[in-house]
Amino acid sequence: MLVRHLMTRGVHTLRETDDCRDALELFQRERIRRAPVVRGETEELVGILSERDILRVLPTSVAMLECAIERGIASPKVATAMTHHVITVTLDTHVEDAANLMYLRRIGGLPVIEEGKIVGMLTETDVFRAYVTLWRDGAHLRVTLAPPEGARDARQPDEPLRIALALELQVTGLNTYRSPGGSQLISLRVRGPRCAELPERLSARGWSLLEVERRLSDQAA
């Protein structure tokens, strides 16, 4: 899946000369948490402002903010609070690569650029939506597995897949990932009349069943 298939379009942008107070009102009104900062008629991307950035420079309580407004204290400008080094992605960036970038850099959103123009935003909410969509597949059974002890190549889920296909099951999803402890895990989702036989067949081949969840399609309904 590519960023173009998942990103949010119709991006709200800010200018460096905008007040942070106005930017916060925009965020609250539009229910967003960040916005790119652009400059000039070409709308060159020069920064990104997040809700957290704003809260660093504005009064820390509603009472203090109201007091500042009543006393006519000027709001800081966006330029003073924004992040200048902006990490971006393109329309053809793979979502998993963008998500990994967000995870490693600890950021919640990435502007999407095409020919120097901002065409969208990919946020953590977009990524979560993709994850949920991928797993909402009408499976009758989901099993999470750890490979047999001493397996030569635990990275390859060939054997669980072959076992499922031998039972004439429809494989609706297969993922491999590492647990926080570093061990390689496999999640296999299937549907079909012989689902109940799969856990026993896997156990007989030495696979450790960490989770067995049945009839996911019924639960979703």
Protein backbone atom coordinates (compact mmCIF):
# COMPACT_ATOMS: atom_id res chain seq x y z
CA MET A 1 0.00 0.00 0.00
CA LEU A 2 1.31 3.42 -0.97
CA VAL A 3 1.00 6.73 0.85
CA ARG A 4 -1.22 8.06 -1.98
CA HIS A 5 -3.87 5.46 -1.08
CA LEU A 6 -4.05 6.44 2.58
CA MET A 7 -3.07 10.07 3.11
CA THR A 8 -5.40 12.87 4.15
CA ARG A 9 -5.98 15.43 1.40
CA GLY A 10 -7.14 19.03 1.71
CA VAL A 11 -4.32 20.00 4.08
CA HIS A 12 -4.63 23.08 6.28
CA THR A 13 -1.43 25.17 6.11
CA LEU A 14 -0.02 28.03 8.17
CA ARG A 15 2.25 31.00 7.52
CA GLU A 16 5.28 31.96 9.58
CA THR A 17 3.61 35.25 10.53
CA ASP A 18 0.41 33.62 11.86
CA ASP A 19 -0.23 33.85 15.59
CA CYS A 20 0.17 30.62 17.54
CA ARG A 21 -3.08 31.43 19.33
CA ASP A 22 -4.91 31.48 15.99
CA ALA A 23 -3.15 28.29 14.96
CA LEU A 24 -4.37 26.57 18.14
CA GLU A 25 -7.93 27.68 17.40
CA LEU A 26 -7.57 26.23 13.90
CA PHE A 27 -6.35 22.93 15.32
CA GLN A 28 -9.25 22.73 17.74
CA ARG A 29 -11.84 23.72 15.15
CA GLU A 30 -10.61 21.29 12.48
CA ARG A 31 -9.64 18.57 14.96
CA ILE A 32 -6.07 18.31 13.73
CA ARG A 33 -2.81 18.18 15.66
CA ARG A 34 -0.29 19.57 13.19
CA ALA A 35 -0.03 21.65 10.02
CA PRO A 36 2.71 22.44 7.49
CA VAL A 37 4.07 25.99 7.43
CA VAL A 38 4.49 27.50 3.95
CA ARG A 39 6.03 30.67 2.54
CA GLY A 40 5.24 32.90 -0.44
CA GLU A 41 3.04 32.43 -3.46
CA THR A 42 4.77 29.18 -4.30
CA GLU A 43 3.85 27.87 -0.84
CA GLU A 44 7.37 26.59 -0.20
CA LEU A 45 7.41 24.22 2.74
CA VAL A 46 9.51 25.83 5.50
CA GLY A 47 8.36 24.08 8.66
CA ILE A 48 5.70 22.18 10.51
CA LEU A 49 3.80 23.22 13.63
CA SER A 50 2.27 20.75 16.05
CA GLU A 51 -0.09 21.23 18.95
CA ARG A 52 2.77 20.34 21.27
CA ASP A 53 4.92 23.10 19.73
CA ILE A 54 2.17 25.64 20.39
CA LEU A 55 1.70 24.58 24.00
CA ARG A 56 5.41 25.14 24.61
CA VAL A 57 5.12 28.87 23.82
CA LEU A 58 1.58 29.73 24.95
CA PRO A 59 0.45 30.16 28.60
CA THR A 60 0.04 26.78 30.21
CA SER A 61 -3.53 27.16 31.49
CA VAL A 62 -6.84 28.49 30.17
CA ALA A 63 -6.89 31.14 32.91
CA MET A 64 -3.40 32.35 32.00
CA LEU A 65 -4.31 32.40 28.31
CA GLU A 66 -7.48 34.44 28.96
CA CYS A 67 -5.48 36.82 31.14
CA ALA A 68 -2.91 37.31 28.36
CA ILE A 69 -5.68 38.06 25.88
CA GLU A 70 -7.33 40.57 28.24
CA ARG A 71 -4.02 42.34 28.84
CA GLY A 72 -3.33 42.50 25.12
CA ILE A 73 -0.18 40.42 25.30
CA ALA A 74 0.80 39.47 21.77
CA SER A 75 0.72 35.81 20.82
CA PRO A 76 4.00 34.28 19.66
CA LYS A 77 4.30 33.83 15.92
CA VAL A 78 4.32 30.45 14.24
CA ALA A 79 7.93 31.03 13.13
CA THR A 80 9.12 31.01 16.74
CA ALA A 81 7.51 27.68 17.60
CA MET A 82 7.59 25.58 14.44
CA THR A 83 10.00 22.78 13.64
CA HIS A 84 12.23 23.93 10.79
CA HIS A 85 13.62 20.57 9.67
CA VAL A 86 10.64 18.83 8.07
CA ILE A 87 10.67 15.16 7.18
CA THR A 88 8.51 14.44 4.15
CA VAL A 89 7.38 11.51 2.03
CA THR A 90 6.12 11.20 -1.54
CA LEU A 91 2.94 9.78 -3.02
CA ASP A 92 4.77 6.57 -3.93
CA THR A 93 6.39 5.96 -0.55
CA HIS A 94 5.23 2.65 0.89
CA VAL A 95 3.07 3.11 3.98
CA GLU A 96 5.16 0.66 5.99
CA ASP A 97 8.29 2.71 5.21
CA ALA A 98 6.54 5.93 6.22
CA ALA A 99 5.25 4.31 9.42
CA ASN A 100 8.74 3.09 10.26
CA LEU A 101 10.06 6.61 9.72
CA MET A 102 7.41 8.03 12.04
CA TYR A 103 8.25 5.42 14.66
CA LEU A 104 12.02 5.96 14.51
CA ARG A 105 11.78 9.77 14.51
CA ARG A 106 8.91 9.83 17.02
CA ILE A 107 6.71 12.09 14.93
CA GLY A 108 2.97 11.91 14.42
CA GLY A 109 2.62 13.12 10.85
CA LEU A 110 4.45 13.59 7.56
CA PRO A 111 3.71 16.08 4.78
CA VAL A 112 3.32 14.40 1.39
CA ILE A 113 5.14 16.19 -1.43
CA GLU A 114 4.68 16.00 -5.20
CA GLU A 115 6.83 18.21 -7.45
CA GLY A 116 7.64 20.45 -4.49
CA LYS A 117 3.98 20.97 -3.55
CA ILE A 118 2.15 19.71 -0.47
CA VAL A 119 -0.58 17.35 -1.64
CA GLY A 120 -1.48 15.65 1.62
CA MET A 121 -0.57 14.59 5.14
CA LEU A 122 0.06 11.09 6.42
CA THR A 123 -0.70 10.90 10.13
CA GLU A 124 -0.53 8.18 12.74
CA THR A 125 -4.34 7.99 12.56
CA ASP A 126 -4.09 7.15 8.84
CA VAL A 127 -1.59 4.40 9.62
CA PHE A 128 -3.81 2.96 12.37
CA ARG A 129 -6.74 2.95 9.94
CA ALA A 130 -4.68 0.96 7.43
CA TYR A 131 -3.66 -1.53 10.11
CA VAL A 132 -7.26 -2.07 11.19
CA THR A 133 -8.40 -2.44 7.58
CA LEU A 134 -5.75 -5.05 6.83
CA TRP A 135 -6.82 -7.15 9.81
CA ARG A 136 -10.58 -6.85 9.25
CA ASP A 137 -10.61 -9.71 6.79
CA GLY A 138 -13.42 -12.01 7.93
CA ALA A 139 -11.09 -14.71 9.24
CA HIS A 140 -12.58 -17.66 11.12
CA LEU A 141 -9.35 -18.33 12.99
CA ARG A 142 -6.23 -16.39 13.92
CA VAL A 143 -3.16 -18.06 15.37
CA THR A 144 0.01 -16.40 16.62
CA LEU A 145 3.01 -18.69 16.45
CA ALA A 146 6.60 -18.95 17.59
CA PRO A 147 8.85 -21.20 15.49
CA PRO A 148 10.08 -24.60 16.68
CA GLU A 149 13.15 -24.49 18.88
CA GLY A 150 16.31 -24.73 16.84
CA ALA A 151 14.58 -23.93 13.56
CA ARG A 152 17.20 -22.95 10.98
CA ASP A 153 15.28 -20.17 9.31
CA ALA A 154 12.52 -18.91 11.57
CA ARG A 155 11.98 -15.89 9.35
CA GLN A 156 10.14 -17.88 6.69
CA PRO A 157 6.49 -18.82 7.40
CA ASP A 158 6.48 -21.46 4.67
CA GLU A 159 5.53 -24.41 6.85
CA PRO A 160 2.47 -22.89 8.60
CA LEU A 161 1.28 -21.66 5.22
CA ARG A 162 1.72 -25.11 3.64
CA ILE A 163 -0.16 -26.75 6.51
CA ALA A 164 -3.07 -24.31 6.13
CA LEU A 165 -3.24 -24.88 2.38
CA ALA A 166 -3.10 -28.66 2.85
CA LEU A 167 -6.25 -28.31 4.95
CA GLU A 168 -7.83 -26.43 2.03
CA LEU A 169 -8.14 -23.28 4.12
CA GLN A 170 -8.36 -19.81 2.63
CA VAL A 171 -5.46 -17.72 3.96
CA THR A 172 -6.78 -14.19 4.52
CA GLY A 173 -3.63 -12.80 6.06
CA LEU A 174 -0.09 -13.64 7.11
CA ASN A 175 2.32 -11.37 8.97
CA THR A 176 5.77 -11.87 10.44
CA TYR A 177 7.18 -9.55 13.07
CA ARG A 178 9.53 -9.41 16.01
CA SER A 179 8.26 -9.27 19.57
CA PRO A 180 9.78 -6.70 21.99
CA GLY A 181 12.08 -9.47 23.21
CA GLY A 182 13.43 -9.99 19.72
CA SER A 183 11.90 -13.37 18.88
CA GLN A 184 10.33 -13.88 15.47
CA LEU A 185 6.56 -14.38 15.51
CA ILE A 186 4.02 -15.25 12.84
CA SER A 187 0.35 -14.33 12.75
CA LEU A 188 -1.76 -16.46 10.40
CA ARG A 189 -5.43 -15.77 9.63
CA VAL A 190 -7.57 -18.33 7.83
CA ARG A 191 -11.14 -19.30 7.05
CA GLY A 192 -12.74 -22.56 6.00
CA PRO A 193 -14.49 -25.69 7.30
CA ARG A 194 -11.33 -27.31 8.68
CA CYS A 195 -10.03 -24.37 10.75
CA ALA A 196 -10.28 -26.36 13.97
CA GLU A 197 -7.62 -28.79 12.73
CA LEU A 198 -4.96 -26.15 12.14
CA PRO A 199 -3.75 -25.56 15.74
CA GLU A 200 -3.27 -29.30 16.32
CA ARG A 201 -1.36 -29.72 13.05
CA LEU A 202 0.92 -26.80 13.88
CA SER A 203 1.58 -28.07 17.41
CA ALA A 204 2.46 -31.50 16.03
CA ARG A 205 5.16 -29.85 13.90
CA GLY A 206 6.70 -28.14 16.94
CA TRP A 207 5.24 -24.66 16.54
CA SER A 208 4.34 -22.88 19.79
CA LEU A 209 0.79 -21.52 19.77
CA LEU A 210 0.90 -18.20 21.60
CA GLU A 211 -2.66 -17.24 20.73
CA VAL A 212 -5.63 -18.98 19.16
CA GLU A 213 -8.66 -16.80 18.44
CA ARG A 214 -11.65 -18.33 16.73
CA ARG A 215 -14.49 -17.01 14.54
CA LEU A 216 -13.27 -13.42 14.21
CA SER A 217 -15.87 -12.78 11.51
CA ASP A 218 -18.69 -13.46 13.97
CA GLN A 219 -17.15 -11.07 16.50
CA ALA A 220 -16.84 -8.33 13.88
CA ALA A 221 -20.50 -8.73 12.96
